[in-house]
């Protein structure tokens, strides 16, 4: 699937997750209740978005400065 065609979703319609980026789309970031963790089912509670905040911010900063 090409990123420009559509974002990858799980069976419930949540974004498939890979390193806090949408699977197959290097420039689309996601965290919290909009993503699905393929390795295990996690409840949609808002807690994971808070925990992912610093990692997500760092990934976005690195992408914008091309410091991968």
PDB file of N, CA and C in Angstrom:
ATOM      1  N   UNK A   1       0.836  -1.189   0.000  1.00  0.00           N
ATOM      2  CA  UNK A   1       0.000   0.000   0.000  1.00  0.00           C
ATOM      3  C   UNK A   1       0.876   1.245   0.000  1.00  0.00           C
ATOM      4  N   UNK A   2       0.611   2.148  -0.884  1.00  0.00           N
ATOM      5  CA  UNK A   2       1.338   3.417  -0.916  1.00  0.00           C
ATOM      6  C   UNK A   2       0.680   4.402   0.027  1.00  0.00           C
ATOM      7  N   UNK A   3       1.488   5.211   0.676  1.00  0.00           N
ATOM      8  CA  UNK A   3       0.972   6.172   1.656  1.00  0.00           C
ATOM      9  C   UNK A   3      -0.042   7.123   1.023  1.00  0.00           C
ATOM     10  N   UNK A   4       0.196   7.529  -0.202  1.00  0.00           N
ATOM     11  CA  UNK A   4      -0.714   8.491  -0.824  1.00  0.00           C
ATOM     12  C   UNK A   4      -2.081   7.881  -1.136  1.00  0.00           C
ATOM     13  N   UNK A   5      -2.176   6.543  -1.183  1.00  0.00           N
ATOM     14  CA  UNK A   5      -3.465   5.905  -1.449  1.00  0.00           C
ATOM     15  C   UNK A   5      -4.388   5.987  -0.243  1.00  0.00           C
ATOM     16  N   UNK A   6      -3.889   5.565   0.925  1.00  0.00           N
ATOM     17  CA  UNK A   6      -4.644   5.679   2.167  1.00  0.00           C
ATOM     18  C   UNK A   6      -3.751   5.220   3.311  1.00  0.00           C
ATOM     19  N   UNK A   7      -4.103   5.600   4.513  1.00  0.00           N
ATOM     20  CA  UNK A   7      -3.364   5.165   5.692  1.00  0.00           C
ATOM     21  C   UNK A   7      -3.798   3.752   6.071  1.00  0.00           C
ATOM     22  N   UNK A   8      -2.868   2.958   6.583  1.00  0.00           N
ATOM     23  CA  UNK A   8      -3.172   1.590   6.999  1.00  0.00           C
ATOM     24  C   UNK A   8      -3.965   1.619   8.307  1.00  0.00           C
ATOM     25  N   UNK A   9      -5.082   0.909   8.342  1.00  0.00           N
ATOM     26  CA  UNK A   9      -5.942   0.845   9.523  1.00  0.00           C
ATOM     27  C   UNK A   9      -6.091  -0.601   9.972  1.00  0.00           C
ATOM     28  N   UNK A  10      -6.360  -0.788  11.268  1.00  0.00           N
ATOM     29  CA  UNK A  10      -6.648  -2.134  11.768  1.00  0.00           C
ATOM     30  C   UNK A  10      -8.136  -2.437  11.557  1.00  0.00           C
ATOM     31  N   UNK A  11      -8.586  -3.579  12.035  1.00  0.00           N
ATOM     32  CA  UNK A  11      -9.974  -4.005  11.834  1.00  0.00           C
ATOM     33  C   UNK A  11     -10.992  -3.068  12.485  1.00  0.00           C
ATOM     34  N   UNK A  12     -10.586  -2.351  13.547  1.00  0.00           N
ATOM     35  CA  UNK A  12     -11.484  -1.412  14.228  1.00  0.00           C
ATOM     36  C   UNK A  12     -11.381   0.012  13.678  1.00  0.00           C
ATOM     37  N   UNK A  13     -10.508   0.242  12.704  1.00  0.00           N
ATOM     38  CA  UNK A  13     -10.393   1.559  12.087  1.00  0.00           C
ATOM     39  C   UNK A  13      -9.331   2.454  12.692  1.00  0.00           C
ATOM     40  N   UNK A  14      -8.469   1.895  13.551  1.00  0.00           N
ATOM     41  CA  UNK A  14      -7.397   2.699  14.145  1.00  0.00           C
ATOM     42  C   UNK A  14      -6.137   2.594  13.295  1.00  0.00           C
ATOM     43  N   UNK A  15      -5.331   3.659  13.284  1.00  0.00           N
ATOM     44  CA  UNK A  15      -4.096   3.666  12.520  1.00  0.00           C
ATOM     45  C   UNK A  15      -3.168   2.554  12.979  1.00  0.00           C
ATOM     46  N   UNK A  16      -2.590   1.836  12.015  1.00  0.00           N
ATOM     47  CA  UNK A  16      -1.590   0.840  12.371  1.00  0.00           C
ATOM     48  C   UNK A  16      -0.313   1.577  12.752  1.00  0.00           C
ATOM     49  N   UNK A  17       0.275   1.161  13.821  1.00  0.00           N
ATOM     50  CA  UNK A  17       1.353   1.877  14.476  1.00  0.00           C
ATOM     51  C   UNK A  17       2.703   1.250  14.197  1.00  0.00           C
ATOM     52  N   UNK A  18       3.708   2.086  13.963  1.00  0.00           N
ATOM     53  CA  UNK A  18       5.083   1.629  13.793  1.00  0.00           C
ATOM     54  C   UNK A  18       5.998   2.765  14.214  1.00  0.00           C
ATOM     55  N   UNK A  19       6.576   2.668  15.384  1.00  0.00           N
ATOM     56  CA  UNK A  19       7.508   3.692  15.873  1.00  0.00           C
ATOM     57  C   UNK A  19       6.850   5.073  16.011  1.00  0.00           C
ATOM     58  N   UNK A  20       5.612   5.129  16.438  1.00  0.00           N
ATOM     59  CA  UNK A  20       4.817   6.360  16.563  1.00  0.00           C
ATOM     60  C   UNK A  20       4.628   7.072  15.232  1.00  0.00           C
ATOM     61  N   UNK A  21       4.718   6.310  14.157  1.00  0.00           N
ATOM     62  CA  UNK A  21       4.420   6.802  12.811  1.00  0.00           C
ATOM     63  C   UNK A  21       3.367   5.880  12.216  1.00  0.00           C
ATOM     64  N   UNK A  22       2.576   6.420  11.334  1.00  0.00           N
ATOM     65  CA  UNK A  22       1.588   5.581  10.658  1.00  0.00           C
ATOM     66  C   UNK A  22       2.334   4.570   9.799  1.00  0.00           C
ATOM     67  N   UNK A  23       1.968   3.309   9.889  1.00  0.00           N
ATOM     68  CA  UNK A  23       2.659   2.249   9.158  1.00  0.00           C
ATOM     69  C   UNK A  23       2.688   2.557   7.660  1.00  0.00           C
ATOM     70  N   UNK A  24       3.871   2.526   7.086  1.00  0.00           N
ATOM     71  CA  UNK A  24       4.040   2.765   5.660  1.00  0.00           C
ATOM     72  C   UNK A  24       4.073   4.227   5.258  1.00  0.00           C
ATOM     73  N   UNK A  25       3.948   5.140   6.199  1.00  0.00           N
ATOM     74  CA  UNK A  25       3.931   6.575   5.896  1.00  0.00           C
ATOM     75  C   UNK A  25       4.925   7.286   6.818  1.00  0.00           C
ATOM     76  N   UNK A  26       6.136   7.443   6.373  1.00  0.00           N
ATOM     77  CA  UNK A  26       7.199   7.993   7.209  1.00  0.00           C
ATOM     78  C   UNK A  26       6.930   9.401   7.728  1.00  0.00           C
ATOM     79  N   UNK A  27       6.114  10.183   7.043  1.00  0.00           N
ATOM     80  CA  UNK A  27       5.895  11.563   7.472  1.00  0.00           C
ATOM     81  C   UNK A  27       4.551  11.787   8.158  1.00  0.00           C
ATOM     82  N   UNK A  28       3.870  10.717   8.565  1.00  0.00           N
ATOM     83  CA  UNK A  28       2.622  10.824   9.324  1.00  0.00           C
ATOM     84  C   UNK A  28       2.871  10.232  10.706  1.00  0.00           C
ATOM     85  N   UNK A  29       2.753  11.048  11.742  1.00  0.00           N
ATOM     86  CA  UNK A  29       2.993  10.622  13.112  1.00  0.00           C
ATOM     87  C   UNK A  29       1.660  10.453  13.833  1.00  0.00           C
ATOM     88  N   UNK A  30       1.644   9.564  14.823  1.00  0.00           N
ATOM     89  CA  UNK A  30       0.415   9.328  15.582  1.00  0.00           C
ATOM     90  C   UNK A  30       0.761   8.840  16.977  1.00  0.00           C
ATOM     91  N   UNK A  31      -0.138   9.069  17.923  1.00  0.00           N
ATOM     92  CA  UNK A  31       0.038   8.575  19.292  1.00  0.00           C
ATOM     93  C   UNK A  31      -1.325   8.521  19.967  1.00  0.00           C
ATOM     94  N   UNK A  32      -1.383   7.783  21.047  1.00  0.00           N
ATOM     95  CA  UNK A  32      -2.599   7.749  21.864  1.00  0.00           C
ATOM     96  C   UNK A  32      -3.702   6.886  21.302  1.00  0.00           C
ATOM     97  N   UNK A  33      -4.920   7.326  21.469  1.00  0.00           N
ATOM     98  CA  UNK A  33      -6.099   6.523  21.153  1.00  0.00           C
ATOM     99  C   UNK A  33      -6.395   6.376  19.667  1.00  0.00           C
ATOM    100  N   UNK A  34      -5.667   7.058  18.787  1.00  0.00           N
ATOM    101  CA  UNK A  34      -5.920   6.907  17.349  1.00  0.00           C
ATOM    102  C   UNK A  34      -5.098   5.790  16.734  1.00  0.00           C
ATOM    103  N   UNK A  35      -4.205   5.188  17.521  1.00  0.00           N
ATOM    104  CA  UNK A  35      -3.346   4.149  16.956  1.00  0.00           C
ATOM    105  C   UNK A  35      -3.653   2.779  17.541  1.00  0.00           C
ATOM    106  N   UNK A  36      -3.310   1.750  16.767  1.00  0.00           N
ATOM    107  CA  UNK A  36      -3.439   0.365  17.199  1.00  0.00           C
ATOM    108  C   UNK A  36      -2.047  -0.217  17.362  1.00  0.00           C
ATOM    109  N   UNK A  37      -1.802  -0.858  18.469  1.00  0.00           N
ATOM    110  CA  UNK A  37      -0.532  -1.520  18.726  1.00  0.00           C
ATOM    111  C   UNK A  37      -0.642  -2.945  18.199  1.00  0.00           C
ATOM    112  N   UNK A  38       0.054  -3.280  17.123  1.00  0.00           N
ATOM    113  CA  UNK A  38      -0.102  -4.621  16.548  1.00  0.00           C
ATOM    114  C   UNK A  38       0.356  -5.745  17.476  1.00  0.00           C
ATOM    115  N   UNK A  39       1.308  -5.489  18.351  1.00  0.00           N
ATOM    116  CA  UNK A  39       1.845  -6.537  19.214  1.00  0.00           C
ATOM    117  C   UNK A  39       0.884  -6.930  20.338  1.00  0.00           C
ATOM    118  N   UNK A  40       0.045  -5.973  20.779  1.00  0.00           N
ATOM    119  CA  UNK A  40      -0.895  -6.280  21.858  1.00  0.00           C
ATOM    120  C   UNK A  40      -2.036  -5.259  21.884  1.00  0.00           C
ATOM    121  N   UNK A  41      -3.159  -5.695  22.376  1.00  0.00           N
ATOM    122  CA  UNK A  41      -4.348  -4.836  22.485  1.00  0.00           C
ATOM    123  C   UNK A  41      -4.221  -3.973  23.744  1.00  0.00           C
ATOM    124  N   UNK A  42      -4.336  -2.681  23.601  1.00  0.00           N
ATOM    125  CA  UNK A  42      -4.295  -1.773  24.746  1.00  0.00           C
ATOM    126  C   UNK A  42      -5.599  -0.995  24.816  1.00  0.00           C
ATOM    127  N   UNK A  43      -6.087  -0.694  26.016  1.00  0.00           N
ATOM    128  CA  UNK A  43      -7.339   0.064  26.143  1.00  0.00           C
ATOM    129  C   UNK A  43      -7.168   1.494  25.638  1.00  0.00           C
ATOM    130  N   UNK A  44      -8.239   2.064  25.151  1.00  0.00           N
ATOM    131  CA  UNK A  44      -8.244   3.461  24.699  1.00  0.00           C
ATOM    132  C   UNK A  44      -8.594   4.330  25.902  1.00  0.00           C
ATOM    133  N   UNK A  45      -7.561   4.868  26.570  1.00  0.00           N
ATOM    134  CA  UNK A  45      -7.801   5.587  27.823  1.00  0.00           C
ATOM    135  C   UNK A  45      -7.150   6.965  27.892  1.00  0.00           C
ATOM    136  N   UNK A  46      -6.331   7.327  26.905  1.00  0.00           N
ATOM    137  CA  UNK A  46      -5.641   8.603  26.947  1.00  0.00           C
ATOM    138  C   UNK A  46      -4.291   8.538  27.636  1.00  0.00           C
ATOM    139  N   UNK A  47      -4.065   7.507  28.434  1.00  0.00           N
ATOM    140  CA  UNK A  47      -2.812   7.359  29.177  1.00  0.00           C
ATOM    141  C   UNK A  47      -1.637   7.189  28.226  1.00  0.00           C
ATOM    142  N   UNK A  48      -1.813   6.413  27.172  1.00  0.00           N
ATOM    143  CA  UNK A  48      -0.712   6.128  26.260  1.00  0.00           C
ATOM    144  C   UNK A  48      -0.312   7.361  25.456  1.00  0.00           C
ATOM    145  N   UNK A  49      -1.236   8.247  25.193  1.00  0.00           N
ATOM    146  CA  UNK A  49      -0.898   9.494  24.501  1.00  0.00           C
ATOM    147  C   UNK A  49       0.013  10.349  25.373  1.00  0.00           C
ATOM    148  N   UNK A  50      -0.276  10.418  26.648  1.00  0.00           N
ATOM    149  CA  UNK A  50       0.546  11.208  27.570  1.00  0.00           C
ATOM    150  C   UNK A  50       1.947  10.611  27.664  1.00  0.00           C
ATOM    151  N   UNK A  51       2.029   9.309  27.793  1.00  0.00           N
ATOM    152  CA  UNK A  51       3.334   8.639  27.891  1.00  0.00           C
ATOM    153  C   UNK A  51       4.144   8.786  26.606  1.00  0.00           C
ATOM    154  N   UNK A  52       3.491   8.825  25.473  1.00  0.00           N
ATOM    155  CA  UNK A  52       4.178   8.902  24.188  1.00  0.00           C
ATOM    156  C   UNK A  52       4.582  10.319  23.817  1.00  0.00           C
ATOM    157  N   UNK A  53       4.074  11.316  24.526  1.00  0.00           N
ATOM    158  CA  UNK A  53       4.336  12.708  24.188  1.00  0.00           C
ATOM    159  C   UNK A  53       5.795  13.053  23.967  1.00  0.00           C
ATOM    160  N   UNK A  54       6.682  12.770  24.922  1.00  0.00           N
ATOM    161  CA  UNK A  54       8.096  13.113  24.727  1.00  0.00           C
ATOM    162  C   UNK A  54       8.737  12.383  23.543  1.00  0.00           C
ATOM    163  N   UNK A  55       8.389  11.129  23.339  1.00  0.00           N
ATOM    164  CA  UNK A  55       8.943  10.367  22.216  1.00  0.00           C
ATOM    165  C   UNK A  55       8.423  10.922  20.894  1.00  0.00           C
ATOM    166  N   UNK A  56       7.140  11.212  20.852  1.00  0.00           N
ATOM    167  CA  UNK A  56       6.533  11.774  19.651  1.00  0.00           C
ATOM    168  C   UNK A  56       7.157  13.121  19.316  1.00  0.00           C
ATOM    169  N   UNK A  57       7.333  13.978  20.309  1.00  0.00           N
ATOM    170  CA  UNK A  57       7.948  15.291  20.087  1.00  0.00           C
ATOM    171  C   UNK A  57       9.366  15.140  19.542  1.00  0.00           C
ATOM    172  N   UNK A  58      10.122  14.206  20.094  1.00  0.00           N
ATOM    173  CA  UNK A  58      11.490  13.981  19.622  1.00  0.00           C
ATOM    174  C   UNK A  58      11.497  13.467  18.182  1.00  0.00           C
ATOM    175  N   UNK A  59      10.601  12.536  17.859  1.00  0.00           N
ATOM    176  CA  UNK A  59      10.534  12.015  16.485  1.00  0.00           C
ATOM    177  C   UNK A  59      10.170  13.108  15.483  1.00  0.00           C
ATOM    178  N   UNK A  60       9.239  13.969  15.837  1.00  0.00           N
ATOM    179  CA  UNK A  60       8.844  15.065  14.941  1.00  0.00           C
ATOM    180  C   UNK A  60       9.999  16.044  14.779  1.00  0.00           C
ATOM    181  N   UNK A  61      10.647  16.377  15.881  1.00  0.00           N
ATOM    182  CA  UNK A  61      11.797  17.286  15.831  1.00  0.00           C
ATOM    183  C   UNK A  61      12.892  16.716  14.925  1.00  0.00           C
ATOM    184  N   UNK A  62      13.187  15.431  15.067  1.00  0.00           N
ATOM    185  CA  UNK A  62      14.209  14.787  14.236  1.00  0.00           C
ATOM    186  C   UNK A  62      13.804  14.790  12.766  1.00  0.00           C
ATOM    187  N   UNK A  63      12.543  14.530  12.485  1.00  0.00           N
ATOM    188  CA  UNK A  63      12.078  14.521  11.100  1.00  0.00           C
ATOM    189  C   UNK A  63      12.181  15.910  10.470  1.00  0.00           C
ATOM    190  N   UNK A  64      11.842  16.933  11.238  1.00  0.00           N
ATOM    191  CA  UNK A  64      11.899  18.296  10.703  1.00  0.00           C
ATOM    192  C   UNK A  64      13.321  18.794  10.487  1.00  0.00           C
ATOM    193  N   UNK A  65      14.249  18.284  11.290  1.00  0.00           N
ATOM    194  CA  UNK A  65      15.644  18.717  11.146  1.00  0.00           C
ATOM    195  C   UNK A  65      16.472  17.681  10.400  1.00  0.00           C
ATOM    196  N   UNK A  66      15.813  16.613   9.915  1.00  0.00           N
ATOM    197  CA  UNK A  66      16.483  15.529   9.176  1.00  0.00           C
ATOM    198  C   UNK A  66      17.597  14.880   9.974  1.00  0.00           C
ATOM    199  N   UNK A  67      17.461  14.861  11.299  1.00  0.00           N
ATOM    200  CA  UNK A  67      18.464  14.249  12.171  1.00  0.00           C
ATOM    201  C   UNK A  67      18.007  12.853  12.566  1.00  0.00           C
ATOM    202  N   UNK A  68      17.974  11.965  11.628  1.00  0.00           N
ATOM    203  CA  UNK A  68      17.466  10.615  11.897  1.00  0.00           C
ATOM    204  C   UNK A  68      18.521   9.768  12.418  1.00  0.00           C
TER     205      UNK A  68
END
